[in-house]
Amino acid sequence: MERSKQMNSNMSRSVTDTILNFIAGSYREGGDGKTFVNVNPATGREIGTVHEASEADVADAVAAAKAALNGPWGSMTTAERLKLISAVATEIERRSDDFLEAEVADTGKPRHIASHIDIPRGAANFRMFADVVATMPTESFNTPTPDGGQAINYAVRRIADVRHRPSPCRGRPGRC
């Protein structure tokens, strides 16, 4: 009984009642004012309200991300970016209990699965992205030219564009 009280107390502290959109460095409601109730599918308990992003919100987020490419993020060295990406992984690990409570409440997954798969995988994904960028080779190769000479071809890796991908799971009964 005491453990149950402690878990409920921890959950109420770590699970956010209202989920806003984070765009251009600040939180905001969806532009169309649409929301949906986030329900723990295992318990049926309402855990919060999610503000849906409108098409204009998505456009603002993409514009903010593109602006970041022309700002500090785009001018960072690869080593500086890798340091930040690794810091995200470290912070996920440091706050794993907070992420665990939110994941269990949001998805209804058993704690032992979320704590051994989902939360560690989140941190591992960021570390993997950093490793891929750190070890991605620059390619070069020779090509014969019509006059019998050689041309050197090479690839320069840089951030090219911003993409967004809506989550297929949000707002659906029985989520992914």
Foldseek 3Di string as FASTA:
>chain_A
DVVVVVLVVLLLVQQDAEAFDQALHDGDAAPVQDKDFQFQLQPRHTRHIYHDHDPVNVVRRQVSVVVVCVPDVVPDDLVVVLVVLLVVLVVLVVVVVSVLSNCCGRHVDDSVCCSVPVSNVVSVVSNVVSVCSVPPDKDKDWDQDPVRHIDIDTDDDGDDGDDDDDQPFPPDPNGD
